[in-house]
């Protein structure tokens, strides 16, 4: 088994035939749906950007929840500690 065959996973001719057949099927499906490679690229890019922005929005909401909860929890904790300290 030479290095090229080992790299490709099969003989170069068989790999070429498989790639041509898969390209034909994918090209036909893309034609049916009216997609172009640029549409796929921009679709993936926009999906990643939307997830990125949604993630930071979620982090902003998360920080807001911490601050709102802390406004209640920290004073209650301090009062509870002061009351426990007076008993000791």
Protein backbone atom coordinates (compact mmCIF):
# COMPACT_ATOMS: atom_id res chain seq x y z
CA UNK A 1 0.00 0.00 0.00
CA UNK A 2 1.67 3.24 -1.08
CA UNK A 3 1.39 6.57 0.74
CA UNK A 4 -1.23 8.06 -1.63
CA UNK A 5 -3.52 5.05 -1.34
CA UNK A 6 -3.09 5.04 2.43
CA UNK A 7 -3.89 8.78 2.56
CA UNK A 8 -6.98 8.50 0.34
CA UNK A 9 -8.23 5.29 1.96
CA UNK A 10 -8.66 3.55 -1.38
CA UNK A 11 -7.11 3.56 -4.83
CA UNK A 12 -7.00 7.00 -6.46
CA UNK A 13 -9.30 5.93 -9.33
CA UNK A 14 -11.96 4.56 -6.98
CA UNK A 15 -11.80 7.71 -4.84
CA UNK A 16 -12.15 9.86 -7.96
CA UNK A 17 -15.21 7.89 -9.12
CA UNK A 18 -16.82 8.18 -5.65
CA UNK A 19 -16.15 11.92 -5.53
CA UNK A 20 -17.65 12.44 -9.00
CA UNK A 21 -20.80 10.50 -8.09
CA UNK A 22 -21.25 12.29 -4.77
CA UNK A 23 -20.63 15.65 -6.49
CA UNK A 24 -23.29 14.80 -9.06
CA UNK A 25 -25.88 13.98 -6.38
CA UNK A 26 -25.04 17.04 -4.27
CA UNK A 27 -25.03 19.28 -7.35
CA UNK A 28 -28.45 18.00 -8.41
CA UNK A 29 -29.91 18.52 -4.92
CA UNK A 30 -28.47 22.03 -4.78
CA UNK A 31 -29.93 22.79 -8.22
CA UNK A 32 -33.37 21.52 -7.17
CA UNK A 33 -33.39 23.80 -4.11
CA UNK A 34 -31.80 26.72 -5.97
CA UNK A 35 -28.79 26.84 -3.67
CA UNK A 36 -25.32 28.02 -4.56
CA UNK A 37 -22.09 27.41 -2.66
CA UNK A 38 -22.21 31.08 -1.60
CA UNK A 39 -25.70 30.54 -0.13
CA UNK A 40 -24.40 27.66 1.95
CA UNK A 41 -21.34 29.63 3.07
CA UNK A 42 -23.37 32.68 4.08
CA UNK A 43 -26.01 30.50 5.72
CA UNK A 44 -23.41 28.79 7.91
CA UNK A 45 -21.71 32.13 8.63
CA UNK A 46 -25.00 33.78 9.61
CA UNK A 47 -25.98 30.83 11.80
CA UNK A 48 -22.66 31.05 13.65
CA UNK A 49 -23.02 34.83 14.06
CA UNK A 50 -26.59 34.42 15.34
CA UNK A 51 -25.42 31.86 17.90
CA UNK A 52 -22.54 34.15 18.87
CA UNK A 53 -24.83 37.12 19.44
CA UNK A 54 -27.46 35.01 21.20
CA UNK A 55 -24.76 33.62 23.47
CA UNK A 56 -23.64 37.07 24.53
CA UNK A 57 -27.24 38.14 25.01
CA UNK A 58 -27.70 35.10 27.25
CA UNK A 59 -24.58 36.02 29.22
CA UNK A 60 -25.93 39.55 29.66
CA UNK A 61 -29.23 38.17 30.94
CA UNK A 62 -27.33 35.75 33.18
CA UNK A 63 -25.32 38.59 34.72
CA UNK A 64 -28.53 40.55 35.21
CA UNK A 65 -30.11 37.61 37.02
CA UNK A 66 -27.08 37.38 39.31
CA UNK A 67 -27.27 41.10 40.14
CA UNK A 68 -31.02 41.03 40.78
CA UNK A 69 -30.74 37.90 42.92
CA UNK A 70 -27.72 39.30 44.73
CA UNK A 71 -29.68 42.42 45.65
CA UNK A 72 -31.93 40.15 47.72
CA UNK A 73 -29.61 37.34 48.81
CA UNK A 74 -26.60 39.37 50.02
CA UNK A 75 -28.55 41.57 52.45
CA UNK A 76 -30.44 38.54 53.80
CA UNK A 77 -27.13 36.71 54.23
CA UNK A 78 -25.57 39.67 56.05
CA UNK A 79 -28.57 40.03 58.36
CA UNK A 80 -28.53 36.29 59.09
CA UNK A 81 -24.80 36.44 59.86
CA UNK A 82 -25.27 39.46 62.13
CA UNK A 83 -28.06 37.70 64.02
CA UNK A 84 -25.96 34.54 64.34
CA UNK A 85 -22.97 36.58 65.51
CA UNK A 86 -25.01 38.21 68.28
CA UNK A 87 -26.03 34.76 69.64
CA UNK A 88 -22.42 33.54 69.87
